[in-house]
Every structure is written in structure tokens, then in C-alpha cells.
PDB file of N, CA and C in Angstrom:
ATOM      1  N   MET A   1       0.839  -1.181   0.000  1.00  0.00           N
ATOM      2  CA  MET A   1       0.000   0.000   0.000  1.00  0.00           C
ATOM      3  C   MET A   1       0.885   1.247   0.000  1.00  0.00           C
ATOM      4  N   THR A   2       0.534   2.214  -0.815  1.00  0.00           N
ATOM      5  CA  THR A   2       1.300   3.445  -0.943  1.00  0.00           C
ATOM      6  C   THR A   2       0.985   4.395   0.208  1.00  0.00           C
ATOM      7  N   THR A   3       2.020   5.007   0.749  1.00  0.00           N
ATOM      8  CA  THR A   3       1.855   5.998   1.804  1.00  0.00           C
ATOM      9  C   THR A   3       1.520   7.342   1.162  1.00  0.00           C
ATOM     10  N   THR A   4       0.465   7.988   1.644  1.00  0.00           N
ATOM     11  CA  THR A   4       0.068   9.284   1.089  1.00  0.00           C
ATOM     12  C   THR A   4       0.987  10.391   1.608  1.00  0.00           C
ATOM     13  N   ILE A   5       0.955  11.519   0.939  1.00  0.00           N
ATOM     14  CA  ILE A   5       1.726  12.680   1.389  1.00  0.00           C
ATOM     15  C   ILE A   5       1.271  13.081   2.794  1.00  0.00           C
ATOM     16  N   ALA A   6      -0.031  13.090   3.031  1.00  0.00           N
ATOM     17  CA  ALA A   6      -0.543  13.450   4.359  1.00  0.00           C
ATOM     18  C   ALA A   6       0.033  12.526   5.433  1.00  0.00           C
ATOM     19  N   GLU A   7       0.079  11.234   5.156  1.00  0.00           N
ATOM     20  CA  GLU A   7       0.643  10.291   6.129  1.00  0.00           C
ATOM     21  C   GLU A   7       2.132  10.546   6.341  1.00  0.00           C
ATOM     22  N   LYS A   8       2.855  10.851   5.261  1.00  0.00           N
ATOM     23  CA  LYS A   8       4.284  11.162   5.395  1.00  0.00           C
ATOM     24  C   LYS A   8       4.500  12.405   6.250  1.00  0.00           C
ATOM     25  N   LEU A   9       3.546  13.330   6.199  1.00  0.00           N
ATOM     26  CA  LEU A   9       3.627  14.553   6.992  1.00  0.00           C
ATOM     27  C   LEU A   9       3.082  14.354   8.410  1.00  0.00           C
ATOM     28  N   LEU A  10       2.796  13.113   8.763  1.00  0.00           N
ATOM     29  CA  LEU A  10       2.343  12.746  10.115  1.00  0.00           C
ATOM     30  C   LEU A  10       0.972  13.308  10.455  1.00  0.00           C
ATOM     31  N   ILE A  11       0.142  13.510   9.432  1.00  0.00           N
ATOM     32  CA  ILE A  11      -1.235  13.939   9.645  1.00  0.00           C
ATOM     33  C   ILE A  11      -2.052  12.691   9.960  1.00  0.00           C
ATOM     34  N   LYS A  12      -2.638  12.665  11.139  1.00  0.00           N
ATOM     35  CA  LYS A  12      -3.348  11.487  11.644  1.00  0.00           C
ATOM     36  C   LYS A  12      -4.857  11.635  11.464  1.00  0.00           C
ATOM     37  N   SER A  13      -5.562  10.504  11.458  1.00  0.00           N
ATOM     38  CA  SER A  13      -7.024  10.510  11.419  1.00  0.00           C
ATOM     39  C   SER A  13      -7.572  11.319  12.589  1.00  0.00           C
ATOM     40  N   ASN A  14      -8.687  11.994  12.341  1.00  0.00           N
ATOM     41  CA  ASN A  14      -9.395  12.746  13.382  1.00  0.00           C
ATOM     42  C   ASN A  14      -8.513  13.775  14.081  1.00  0.00           C
ATOM     43  N   SER A  15      -7.633  14.407  13.321  1.00  0.00           N
ATOM     44  CA  SER A  15      -6.758  15.437  13.884  1.00  0.00           C
ATOM     45  C   SER A  15      -7.010  16.756  13.161  1.00  0.00           C
ATOM     46  N   THR A  16      -6.215  17.751  13.514  1.00  0.00           N
ATOM     47  CA  THR A  16      -6.333  19.050  12.863  1.00  0.00           C
ATOM     48  C   THR A  16      -5.044  19.371  12.120  1.00  0.00           C
ATOM     49  N   VAL A  17      -5.195  20.113  11.029  1.00  0.00           N
ATOM     50  CA  VAL A  17      -4.041  20.546  10.237  1.00  0.00           C
ATOM     51  C   VAL A  17      -4.169  22.050   9.996  1.00  0.00           C
ATOM     52  N   TRP A  18      -3.039  22.737  10.085  1.00  0.00           N
ATOM     53  CA  TRP A  18      -2.974  24.178   9.834  1.00  0.00           C
ATOM     54  C   TRP A  18      -2.007  24.424   8.694  1.00  0.00           C
ATOM     55  N   LEU A  19      -2.405  25.281   7.760  1.00  0.00           N
ATOM     56  CA  LEU A  19      -1.529  25.716   6.674  1.00  0.00           C
ATOM     57  C   LEU A  19      -1.533  27.235   6.646  1.00  0.00           C
ATOM     58  N   ASN A  20      -0.365  27.841   6.490  1.00  0.00           N
ATOM     59  CA  ASN A  20      -0.331  29.296   6.356  1.00  0.00           C
ATOM     60  C   ASN A  20      -0.943  29.729   5.022  1.00  0.00           C
ATOM     61  N   GLU A  21      -0.980  28.825   4.057  1.00  0.00           N
ATOM     62  CA  GLU A  21      -1.615  29.085   2.765  1.00  0.00           C
ATOM     63  C   GLU A  21      -2.627  27.969   2.499  1.00  0.00           C
ATOM     64  N   PRO A  22      -3.851  28.104   3.026  1.00  0.00           N
ATOM     65  CA  PRO A  22      -4.849  27.041   2.882  1.00  0.00           C
ATOM     66  C   PRO A  22      -5.126  26.629   1.439  1.00  0.00           C
ATOM     67  N   SER A  23      -4.873  27.513   0.486  1.00  0.00           N
ATOM     68  CA  SER A  23      -5.115  27.175  -0.924  1.00  0.00           C
ATOM     69  C   SER A  23      -4.196  26.050  -1.405  1.00  0.00           C
ATOM     70  N   ARG A  24      -3.144  25.752  -0.665  1.00  0.00           N
ATOM     71  CA  ARG A  24      -2.216  24.682  -1.050  1.00  0.00           C
ATOM     72  C   ARG A  24      -2.622  23.317  -0.486  1.00  0.00           C
ATOM     73  N   LEU A  25      -3.736  23.248   0.220  1.00  0.00           N
ATOM     74  CA  LEU A  25      -4.191  21.979   0.793  1.00  0.00           C
ATOM     75  C   LEU A  25      -4.268  20.852  -0.236  1.00  0.00           C
ATOM     76  N   PRO A  26      -4.717  21.082  -1.475  1.00  0.00           N
ATOM     77  CA  PRO A  26      -4.776  19.984  -2.443  1.00  0.00           C
ATOM     78  C   PRO A  26      -3.438  19.277  -2.671  1.00  0.00           C
ATOM     79  N   LEU A  27      -2.313  19.952  -2.423  1.00  0.00           N
ATOM     80  CA  LEU A  27      -1.010  19.290  -2.556  1.00  0.00           C
ATOM     81  C   LEU A  27      -0.846  18.154  -1.549  1.00  0.00           C
ATOM     82  N   LEU A  28      -1.594  18.208  -0.457  1.00  0.00           N
ATOM     83  CA  LEU A  28      -1.432  17.246   0.633  1.00  0.00           C
ATOM     84  C   LEU A  28      -2.513  16.172   0.654  1.00  0.00           C
ATOM     85  N   THR A  29      -3.498  16.263  -0.221  1.00  0.00           N
ATOM     86  CA  THR A  29      -4.602  15.309  -0.208  1.00  0.00           C
ATOM     87  C   THR A  29      -4.263  14.058  -1.010  1.00  0.00           C
ATOM     88  N   PRO A  30      -4.943  12.952  -0.703  1.00  0.00           N
ATOM     89  CA  PRO A  30      -6.076  12.800   0.204  1.00  0.00           C
ATOM     90  C   PRO A  30      -5.637  12.811   1.665  1.00  0.00           C
ATOM     91  N   MET A  31      -6.556  13.256   2.506  1.00  0.00           N
ATOM     92  CA  MET A  31      -6.314  13.309   3.945  1.00  0.00           C
ATOM     93  C   MET A  31      -6.885  12.063   4.616  1.00  0.00           C
ATOM     94  N   PRO A  32      -6.319  11.689   5.747  1.00  0.00           N
ATOM     95  CA  PRO A  32      -6.919  10.602   6.523  1.00  0.00           C
ATOM     96  C   PRO A  32      -8.330  11.003   6.980  1.00  0.00           C
ATOM     97  N   GLU A  33      -9.118  10.034   7.333  1.00  0.00           N
ATOM     98  CA  GLU A  33     -10.501  10.257   7.746  1.00  0.00           C
ATOM     99  C   GLU A  33     -10.576  11.190   8.953  1.00  0.00           C
ATOM    100  N   GLY A  34     -11.512  12.130   8.880  1.00  0.00           N
ATOM    101  CA  GLY A  34     -11.800  12.997  10.015  1.00  0.00           C
ATOM    102  C   GLY A  34     -10.854  14.162  10.219  1.00  0.00           C
ATOM    103  N   VAL A  35      -9.942  14.407   9.301  1.00  0.00           N
ATOM    104  CA  VAL A  35      -9.011  15.530   9.452  1.00  0.00           C
ATOM    105  C   VAL A  35      -9.761  16.835   9.196  1.00  0.00           C
ATOM    106  N   ARG A  36      -9.514  17.814  10.059  1.00  0.00           N
ATOM    107  CA  ARG A  36     -10.140  19.125   9.936  1.00  0.00           C
ATOM    108  C   ARG A  36      -9.057  20.196   9.839  1.00  0.00           C
ATOM    109  N   GLU A  37      -9.340  21.219   9.057  1.00  0.00           N
ATOM    110  CA  GLU A  37      -8.439  22.373   9.005  1.00  0.00           C
ATOM    111  C   GLU A  37      -8.736  23.275  10.197  1.00  0.00           C
ATOM    112  N   THR A  38      -7.692  23.900  10.716  1.00  0.00           N
ATOM    113  CA  THR A  38      -7.857  24.899  11.761  1.00  0.00           C
ATOM    114  C   THR A  38      -7.175  26.182  11.315  1.00  0.00           C
ATOM    115  N   GLY A  39      -7.720  27.286  11.728  1.00  0.00           N
ATOM    116  CA  GLY A  39      -7.115  28.571  11.414  1.00  0.00           C
ATOM    117  C   GLY A  39      -6.151  29.051  12.487  1.00  0.00           C
ATOM    118  N   VAL A  40      -5.947  28.206  13.522  1.00  0.00           N
ATOM    119  CA  VAL A  40      -5.111  28.588  14.659  1.00  0.00           C
ATOM    120  C   VAL A  40      -3.935  27.621  14.767  1.00  0.00           C
ATOM    121  N   LEU A  41      -2.741  28.105  14.516  1.00  0.00           N
ATOM    122  CA  LEU A  41      -1.543  27.264  14.549  1.00  0.00           C
ATOM    123  C   LEU A  41      -1.404  26.523  15.870  1.00  0.00           C
ATOM    124  N   ALA A  42      -1.665  27.183  16.977  1.00  0.00           N
ATOM    125  CA  ALA A  42      -1.451  26.591  18.301  1.00  0.00           C
ATOM    126  C   ALA A  42      -2.322  25.365  18.560  1.00  0.00           C
ATOM    127  N   THR A  43      -3.429  25.222  17.836  1.00  0.00           N
ATOM    128  CA  THR A  43      -4.331  24.090  18.069  1.00  0.00           C
ATOM    129  C   THR A  43      -4.145  22.955  17.070  1.00  0.00           C
ATOM    130  N   ALA A  44      -3.196  23.091  16.163  1.00  0.00           N
ATOM    131  CA  ALA A  44      -3.014  22.098  15.094  1.00  0.00           C
ATOM    132  C   ALA A  44      -2.238  20.883  15.576  1.00  0.00           C
ATOM    133  N   GLY A  45      -2.662  19.714  15.110  1.00  0.00           N
ATOM    134  CA  GLY A  45      -1.869  18.509  15.314  1.00  0.00           C
ATOM    135  C   GLY A  45      -0.655  18.520  14.401  1.00  0.00           C
ATOM    136  N   THR A  46      -0.854  19.015  13.183  1.00  0.00           N
ATOM    137  CA  THR A  46       0.224  19.154  12.199  1.00  0.00           C
ATOM    138  C   THR A  46       0.117  20.531  11.560  1.00  0.00           C
ATOM    139  N   ALA A  47       1.257  21.181  11.380  1.00  0.00           N
ATOM    140  CA  ALA A  47       1.302  22.494  10.738  1.00  0.00           C
ATOM    141  C   ALA A  47       2.231  22.426   9.534  1.00  0.00           C
ATOM    142  N   VAL A  48       1.816  23.072   8.442  1.00  0.00           N
ATOM    143  CA  VAL A  48       2.650  23.146   7.238  1.00  0.00           C
ATOM    144  C   VAL A  48       2.740  24.610   6.819  1.00  0.00           C
ATOM    145  N   LEU A  49       3.964  25.119   6.854  1.00  0.00           N
ATOM    146  CA  LEU A  49       4.257  26.502   6.518  1.00  0.00           C
ATOM    147  C   LEU A  49       4.886  26.512   5.127  1.00  0.00           C
ATOM    148  N   PHE A  50       4.194  27.071   4.140  1.00  0.00           N
ATOM    149  CA  PHE A  50       4.732  27.155   2.782  1.00  0.00           C
ATOM    150  C   PHE A  50       5.525  28.447   2.635  1.00  0.00           C
ATOM    151  N   VAL A  51       6.752  28.337   2.123  1.00  0.00           N
ATOM    152  CA  VAL A  51       7.601  29.514   1.920  1.00  0.00           C
ATOM    153  C   VAL A  51       8.202  29.468   0.522  1.00  0.00           C
ATOM    154  N   GLU A  52       8.418  30.643  -0.045  1.00  0.00           N
ATOM    155  CA  GLU A  52       8.992  30.757  -1.387  1.00  0.00           C
ATOM    156  C   GLU A  52      10.498  30.975  -1.354  1.00  0.00           C
ATOM    157  N   ASP A  53      10.993  31.591  -0.268  1.00  0.00           N
ATOM    158  CA  ASP A  53      12.413  31.941  -0.202  1.00  0.00           C
ATOM    159  C   ASP A  53      12.819  32.161   1.252  1.00  0.00           C
ATOM    160  N   ALA A  54      14.085  32.479   1.477  1.00  0.00           N
ATOM    161  CA  ALA A  54      14.607  32.661   2.834  1.00  0.00           C
ATOM    162  C   ALA A  54      13.905  33.808   3.555  1.00  0.00           C
ATOM    163  N   ALA A  55      13.681  34.908   2.860  1.00  0.00           N
ATOM    164  CA  ALA A  55      13.007  36.050   3.486  1.00  0.00           C
ATOM    165  C   ALA A  55      11.595  35.676   3.918  1.00  0.00           C
ATOM    166  N   GLY A  56      10.897  34.928   3.075  1.00  0.00           N
ATOM    167  CA  GLY A  56       9.556  34.477   3.419  1.00  0.00           C
ATOM    168  C   GLY A  56       9.559  33.529   4.601  1.00  0.00           C
ATOM    169  N   ALA A  57      10.557  32.657   4.662  1.00  0.00           N
ATOM    170  CA  ALA A  57      10.674  31.735   5.793  1.00  0.00           C
ATOM    171  C   ALA A  57      10.875  32.519   7.083  1.00  0.00           C
ATOM    172  N   ARG A  58      11.790  33.469   7.064  1.00  0.00           N
ATOM    173  CA  ARG A  58      12.044  34.277   8.267  1.00  0.00           C
ATOM    174  C   ARG A  58      10.801  35.065   8.685  1.00  0.00           C
ATOM    175  N   GLU A  59      10.128  35.642   7.707  1.00  0.00           N
ATOM    176  CA  GLU A  59       8.928  36.430   7.996  1.00  0.00           C
ATOM    177  C   GLU A  59       7.847  35.567   8.643  1.00  0.00           C
ATOM    178  N   GLN A  60       7.588  34.399   8.070  1.00  0.00           N
ATOM    179  CA  GLN A  60       6.550  33.521   8.606  1.00  0.00           C
ATOM    180  C   GLN A  60       6.925  32.964   9.985  1.00  0.00           C
ATOM    181  N   LEU A  61       8.183  32.571  10.154  1.00  0.00           N
ATOM    182  CA  LEU A  61       8.622  32.057  11.450  1.00  0.00           C
ATOM    183  C   LEU A  61       8.532  33.141  12.521  1.00  0.00           C
ATOM    184  N   ALA A  62       8.901  34.363  12.185  1.00  0.00           N
ATOM    185  CA  ALA A  62       8.805  35.466  13.144  1.00  0.00           C
ATOM    186  C   ALA A  62       7.348  35.734  13.514  1.00  0.00           C
ATOM    187  N   GLU A  63       6.477  35.706  12.522  1.00  0.00           N
ATOM    188  CA  GLU A  63       5.052  35.967  12.766  1.00  0.00           C
ATOM    189  C   GLU A  63       4.448  34.937  13.713  1.00  0.00           C
ATOM    190  N   HIS A  64       4.883  33.698  13.611  1.00  0.00           N
ATOM    191  CA  HIS A  64       4.281  32.608  14.389  1.00  0.00           C
ATOM    192  C   HIS A  64       5.181  32.100  15.513  1.00  0.00           C
ATOM    193  N   ARG A  65       6.213  32.843  15.847  1.00  0.00           N
ATOM    194  CA  ARG A  65       7.236  32.398  16.803  1.00  0.00           C
ATOM    195  C   ARG A  65       6.652  31.819  18.099  1.00  0.00           C
ATOM    196  N   ALA A  66       5.655  32.450  18.672  1.00  0.00           N
ATOM    197  CA  ALA A  66       5.109  32.017  19.963  1.00  0.00           C
ATOM    198  C   ALA A  66       4.483  30.628  19.907  1.00  0.00           C
ATOM    199  N   ASP A  67       4.090  30.172  18.725  1.00  0.00           N
ATOM    200  CA  ASP A  67       3.368  28.904  18.603  1.00  0.00           C
ATOM    201  C   ASP A  67       4.126  27.820  17.850  1.00  0.00           C
ATOM    202  N   LEU A  68       5.387  28.042  17.514  1.00  0.00           N
ATOM    203  CA  LEU A  68       6.122  27.088  16.676  1.00  0.00           C
ATOM    204  C   LEU A  68       6.232  25.701  17.299  1.00  0.00           C
ATOM    205  N   GLY A  69       6.301  25.606  18.596  1.00  0.00           N
ATOM    206  CA  GLY A  69       6.454  24.307  19.248  1.00  0.00           C
ATOM    207  C   GLY A  69       5.157  23.638  19.644  1.00  0.00           C
ATOM    208  N   LYS A  70       4.019  24.241  19.354  1.00  0.00           N
ATOM    209  CA  LYS A  70       2.739  23.699  19.815  1.00  0.00           C
ATOM    210  C   LYS A  70       2.180  22.558  18.968  1.00  0.00           C
ATOM    211  N   PRO A  71       2.283  22.588  17.644  1.00  0.00           N
ATOM    212  CA  PRO A  71       1.782  21.444  16.866  1.00  0.00           C
ATOM    213  C   PRO A  71       2.618  20.188  17.130  1.00  0.00           C
ATOM    214  N   GLY A  72       1.989  19.036  16.995  1.00  0.00           N
ATOM    215  CA  GLY A  72       2.718  17.779  17.150  1.00  0.00           C
ATOM    216  C   GLY A  72       3.783  17.601  16.084  1.00  0.00           C
ATOM    217  N   ALA A  73       3.523  18.096  14.879  1.00  0.00           N
ATOM    218  CA  ALA A  73       4.498  18.056  13.780  1.00  0.00           C
ATOM    219  C   ALA A  73       4.458  19.408  13.081  1.00  0.00           C
ATOM    220  N   PHE A  74       5.638  20.006  12.899  1.00  0.00           N
ATOM    221  CA  PHE A  74       5.748  21.313  12.252  1.00  0.00           C
ATOM    222  C   PHE A  74       6.637  21.167  11.030  1.00  0.00           C
ATOM    223  N   TRP A  75       6.099  21.489   9.857  1.00  0.00           N
ATOM    224  CA  TRP A  75       6.813  21.344   8.589  1.00  0.00           C
ATOM    225  C   TRP A  75       6.950  22.693   7.902  1.00  0.00           C
ATOM    226  N   ILE A  76       8.060  22.877   7.216  1.00  0.00           N
ATOM    227  CA  ILE A  76       8.233  24.026   6.331  1.00  0.00           C
ATOM    228  C   ILE A  76       8.349  23.472   4.916  1.00  0.00           C
ATOM    229  N   ALA A  77       7.370  23.815   4.082  1.00  0.00           N
ATOM    230  CA  ALA A  77       7.379  23.375   2.685  1.00  0.00           C
ATOM    231  C   ALA A  77       8.064  24.447   1.848  1.00  0.00           C
ATOM    232  N   TYR A  78       8.962  24.003   0.983  1.00  0.00           N
ATOM    233  CA  TYR A  78       9.757  24.924   0.177  1.00  0.00           C
ATOM    234  C   TYR A  78       9.927  24.358  -1.223  1.00  0.00           C
ATOM    235  N   GLN A  79      10.221  25.240  -2.172  1.00  0.00           N
ATOM    236  CA  GLN A  79      10.412  24.819  -3.559  1.00  0.00           C
ATOM    237  C   GLN A  79      11.788  24.190  -3.721  1.00  0.00           C
ATOM    238  N   LYS A  80      11.805  22.986  -4.276  1.00  0.00           N
ATOM    239  CA  LYS A  80      13.071  22.265  -4.468  1.00  0.00           C
ATOM    240  C   LYS A  80      13.944  22.911  -5.530  1.00  0.00           C
ATOM    241  N   ASP A  81      13.317  23.496  -6.526  1.00  0.00           N
ATOM    242  CA  ASP A  81      14.078  24.010  -7.664  1.00  0.00           C
ATOM    243  C   ASP A  81      14.336  25.508  -7.571  1.00  0.00           C
ATOM    244  N   GLY A  82      14.242  26.046  -6.371  1.00  0.00           N
ATOM    245  CA  GLY A  82      14.476  27.478  -6.199  1.00  0.00           C
ATOM    246  C   GLY A  82      15.918  27.847  -6.484  1.00  0.00           C
ATOM    247  N   ALA A  83      16.123  29.049  -6.953  1.00  0.00           N
ATOM    248  CA  ALA A  83      17.483  29.521  -7.213  1.00  0.00           C
ATOM    249  C   ALA A  83      17.645  30.852  -6.494  1.00  0.00           C
ATOM    250  N   PRO A  84      18.532  30.989  -5.553  1.00  0.00           N
ATOM    251  CA  PRO A  84      19.474  29.959  -5.102  1.00  0.00           C
ATOM    252  C   PRO A  84      18.780  28.928  -4.214  1.00  0.00           C
ATOM    253  N   ALA A  85      19.443  27.814  -4.019  1.00  0.00           N
ATOM    254  CA  ALA A  85      18.894  26.755  -3.178  1.00  0.00           C
ATOM    255  C   ALA A  85      18.638  27.309  -1.777  1.00  0.00           C
ATOM    256  N   LEU A  86      17.537  26.885  -1.181  1.00  0.00           N
ATOM    257  CA  LEU A  86      17.134  27.381   0.128  1.00  0.00           C
ATOM    258  C   LEU A  86      17.652  26.449   1.214  1.00  0.00           C
ATOM    259  N   ASP A  87      18.542  26.949   2.060  1.00  0.00           N
ATOM    260  CA  ASP A  87      19.057  26.184   3.195  1.00  0.00           C
ATOM    261  C   ASP A  87      18.307  26.648   4.435  1.00  0.00           C
ATOM    262  N   LEU A  88      17.346  25.841   4.878  1.00  0.00           N
ATOM    263  CA  LEU A  88      16.502  26.231   6.000  1.00  0.00           C
ATOM    264  C   LEU A  88      17.145  25.996   7.364  1.00  0.00           C
ATOM    265  N   SER A  89      18.144  25.135   7.454  1.00  0.00           N
ATOM    266  CA  SER A  89      18.718  24.789   8.763  1.00  0.00           C
ATOM    267  C   SER A  89      19.186  26.004   9.559  1.00  0.00           C
ATOM    268  N   PRO A  90      19.988  26.907   8.989  1.00  0.00           N
ATOM    269  CA  PRO A  90      20.397  28.062   9.794  1.00  0.00           C
ATOM    270  C   PRO A  90      19.245  29.017  10.099  1.00  0.00           C
ATOM    271  N   ILE A  91      18.249  29.043   9.233  1.00  0.00           N
ATOM    272  CA  ILE A  91      17.094  29.915   9.474  1.00  0.00           C
ATOM    273  C   ILE A  91      16.292  29.402  10.657  1.00  0.00           C
ATOM    274  N   VAL A  92      15.972  28.103  10.674  1.00  0.00           N
ATOM    275  CA  VAL A  92      15.183  27.574  11.787  1.00  0.00           C
ATOM    276  C   VAL A  92      15.974  27.610  13.088  1.00  0.00           C
ATOM    277  N   ALA A  93      17.296  27.506  13.003  1.00  0.00           N
ATOM    278  CA  ALA A  93      18.130  27.590  14.210  1.00  0.00           C
ATOM    279  C   ALA A  93      17.963  28.946  14.890  1.00  0.00           C
ATOM    280  N   ASP A  94      17.740  29.996  14.108  1.00  0.00           N
ATOM    281  CA  ASP A  94      17.508  31.326  14.676  1.00  0.00           C
ATOM    282  C   ASP A  94      16.215  31.391  15.483  1.00  0.00           C
ATOM    283  N   TYR A  95      15.349  30.398  15.306  1.00  0.00           N
ATOM    284  CA  TYR A  95      14.073  30.336  16.023  1.00  0.00           C
ATOM    285  C   TYR A  95      14.060  29.162  17.003  1.00  0.00           C
ATOM    286  N   ASP A  96      15.248  28.759  17.428  1.00  0.00           N
ATOM    287  CA  ASP A  96      15.416  27.674  18.406  1.00  0.00           C
ATOM    288  C   ASP A  96      14.764  26.378  17.941  1.00  0.00           C
ATOM    289  N   MET A  97      14.945  26.071  16.658  1.00  0.00           N
ATOM    290  CA  MET A  97      14.425  24.839  16.087  1.00  0.00           C
ATOM    291  C   MET A  97      15.555  24.130  15.356  1.00  0.00           C
ATOM    292  N   ARG A  98      15.327  22.853  15.074  1.00  0.00           N
ATOM    293  CA  ARG A  98      16.280  22.099  14.267  1.00  0.00           C
ATOM    294  C   ARG A  98      15.513  21.230  13.290  1.00  0.00           C
ATOM    295  N   ALA A  99      16.124  20.992  12.142  1.00  0.00           N
ATOM    296  CA  ALA A  99      15.535  20.117  11.127  1.00  0.00           C
ATOM    297  C   ALA A  99      15.718  18.675  11.566  1.00  0.00           C
ATOM    298  N   CYS A 100      14.678  17.849  11.394  1.00  0.00           N
ATOM    299  CA  CYS A 100      14.798  16.462  11.830  1.00  0.00           C
ATOM    300  C   CYS A 100      14.258  15.446  10.829  1.00  0.00           C
ATOM    301  N   ASP A 101      13.627  15.884   9.742  1.00  0.00           N
ATOM    302  CA  ASP A 101      13.112  14.945   8.742  1.00  0.00           C
ATOM    303  C   ASP A 101      12.794  15.731   7.474  1.00  0.00           C
ATOM    304  N   GLN A 102      12.694  15.012   6.367  1.00  0.00           N
ATOM    305  CA  GLN A 102      12.368  15.655   5.098  1.00  0.00           C
ATOM    306  C   GLN A 102      11.462  14.736   4.291  1.00  0.00           C
ATOM    307  N   VAL A 103      10.496  15.340   3.583  1.00  0.00           N
ATOM    308  CA  VAL A 103       9.535  14.605   2.770  1.00  0.00           C
ATOM    309  C   VAL A 103       9.393  15.323   1.430  1.00  0.00           C
ATOM    310  N   VAL A 104       9.326  14.562   0.350  1.00  0.00           N
ATOM    311  CA  VAL A 104       9.025  15.123  -0.969  1.00  0.00           C
ATOM    312  C   VAL A 104       7.507  15.186  -1.106  1.00  0.00           C
ATOM    313  N   ILE A 105       6.982  16.365  -1.410  1.00  0.00           N
ATOM    314  CA  ILE A 105       5.541  16.533  -1.607  1.00  0.00           C
ATOM    315  C   ILE A 105       5.177  16.242  -3.060  1.00  0.00           C
ATOM    316  N   ASP A 106       5.875  16.870  -3.986  1.00  0.00           N
ATOM    317  CA  ASP A 106       5.676  16.621  -5.414  1.00  0.00           C
ATOM    318  C   ASP A 106       6.947  17.031  -6.154  1.00  0.00           C
ATOM    319  N   GLU A 107       6.858  17.184  -7.471  1.00  0.00           N
ATOM    320  CA  GLU A 107       8.062  17.500  -8.242  1.00  0.00           C
ATOM    321  C   GLU A 107       8.587  18.907  -7.951  1.00  0.00           C
ATOM    322  N   ARG A 108       7.766  19.748  -7.363  1.00  0.00           N
ATOM    323  CA  ARG A 108       8.162  21.136  -7.081  1.00  0.00           C
ATOM    324  C   ARG A 108       8.471  21.389  -5.606  1.00  0.00           C
ATOM    325  N   TRP A 109       7.745  20.726  -4.709  1.00  0.00           N
ATOM    326  CA  TRP A 109       7.806  21.030  -3.283  1.00  0.00           C
ATOM    327  C   TRP A 109       8.380  19.880  -2.463  1.00  0.00           C
ATOM    328  N   SER A 110       9.170  20.252  -1.462  1.00  0.00           N
ATOM    329  CA  SER A 110       9.604  19.338  -0.402  1.00  0.00           C
ATOM    330  C   SER A 110       9.213  19.979   0.918  1.00  0.00           C
ATOM    331  N   ALA A 111       9.241  19.196   1.984  1.00  0.00           N
ATOM    332  CA  ALA A 111       8.927  19.734   3.307  1.00  0.00           C
ATOM    333  C   ALA A 111       9.971  19.258   4.298  1.00  0.00           C
ATOM    334  N   LEU A 112      10.369  20.160   5.163  1.00  0.00           N
ATOM    335  CA  LEU A 112      11.355  19.882   6.200  1.00  0.00           C
ATOM    336  C   LEU A 112      10.644  19.924   7.547  1.00  0.00           C
ATOM    337  N   ARG A 113      10.706  18.810   8.294  1.00  0.00           N
ATOM    338  CA  ARG A 113      10.096  18.796   9.631  1.00  0.00           C
ATOM    339  C   ARG A 113      11.083  19.400  10.611  1.00  0.00           C
ATOM    340  N   CYS A 114      10.576  20.283  11.438  1.00  0.00           N
ATOM    341  CA  CYS A 114      11.412  20.978  12.413  1.00  0.00           C
ATOM    342  C   CYS A 114      10.818  20.791  13.798  1.00  0.00           C
ATOM    343  N   GLU A 115      11.697  20.746  14.777  1.00  0.00           N
ATOM    344  CA  GLU A 115      11.230  20.675  16.155  1.00  0.00           C
ATOM    345  C   GLU A 115      11.984  21.694  16.982  1.00  0.00           C
ATOM    346  N   VAL A 116      11.316  22.147  18.032  1.00  0.00           N
ATOM    347  CA  VAL A 116      11.921  23.117  18.931  1.00  0.00           C
ATOM    348  C   VAL A 116      13.028  22.421  19.705  1.00  0.00           C
ATOM    349  N   THR A 117      14.176  23.076  19.795  1.00  0.00           N
ATOM    350  CA  THR A 117      15.288  22.517  20.566  1.00  0.00           C
ATOM    351  C   THR A 117      15.079  22.843  22.033  1.00  0.00           C
ATOM    352  N   GLN A 118      15.471  21.904  22.868  1.00  0.00           N
ATOM    353  CA  GLN A 118      15.331  22.092  24.309  1.00  0.00           C
ATOM    354  C   GLN A 118      16.536  22.854  24.840  1.00  0.00           C
ATOM    355  N   PRO A 119      16.315  23.823  25.712  1.00  0.00           N
ATOM    356  CA  PRO A 119      17.450  24.563  26.262  1.00  0.00           C
ATOM    357  C   PRO A 119      18.364  23.670  27.087  1.00  0.00           C
ATOM    358  N   GLY A 120      19.634  24.035  27.108  1.00  0.00           N
ATOM    359  CA  GLY A 120      20.602  23.311  27.937  1.00  0.00           C
ATOM    360  C   GLY A 120      21.234  22.221  27.204  1.00  0.00           C
TER     361      GLY A 120
END
């Protein structure tokens, strides 16, 4: 059985998903049964932040800084074929996060899972 993009992004049945750009939801479908969209990042089981470039990544991370560690899984989706190549690791480090997994969404987009680093 093929694993769906939603499953690769750790979106579980009967959970909530948040996207900073809800119009991109079709890239992640089909969804597991009972998944609902939420407009509040802090209440999401899984969050997917779509960014076009480094400046956009920084802007979105700064805007949502207080809630970055609240979803069970936090992903940053970025264009694979961007020029110049987007290195998200140092950007997320500025927000006390680290990259821990990567998933290909389609021929254009990949997603990097990030988690908040623990102090000390």
C-alpha cells in the first residue's frame, strides 16, 4: 500500500491541520478520515508553513514564533528548484528549532520537519 503525502507529513485521522496558505491543501490530499483544518496554529496537530524563499521563511517564522512548538508536527514546505537553493537549517536555528526529517511533496515542493530545541 502506498503511503500518502498526508501520512508522510504525520497527519493522523481525526486530527487538525494548519496551513499558512490554505489554498495549497490539495497538494497534501487525500487526507486521513476525520481531518479538519484549523485557522489557529497553536491548536493544530500538524502544521505546514509554505515559503517561497529565505526572506519568506524568516517572515513567517517570526510571525508565528510564539506557537512554533505547539503542533505535534511542524513542517516548512519549500520549492526544491528554487534559485538559489534554500538552506533552511540556519534559518530555523535562529528560532530555536532544528531540522529532523524531510519529505518530498511533489516534483516542485519538499517539506522539512522541524522541532523546537530544548534549552541546555
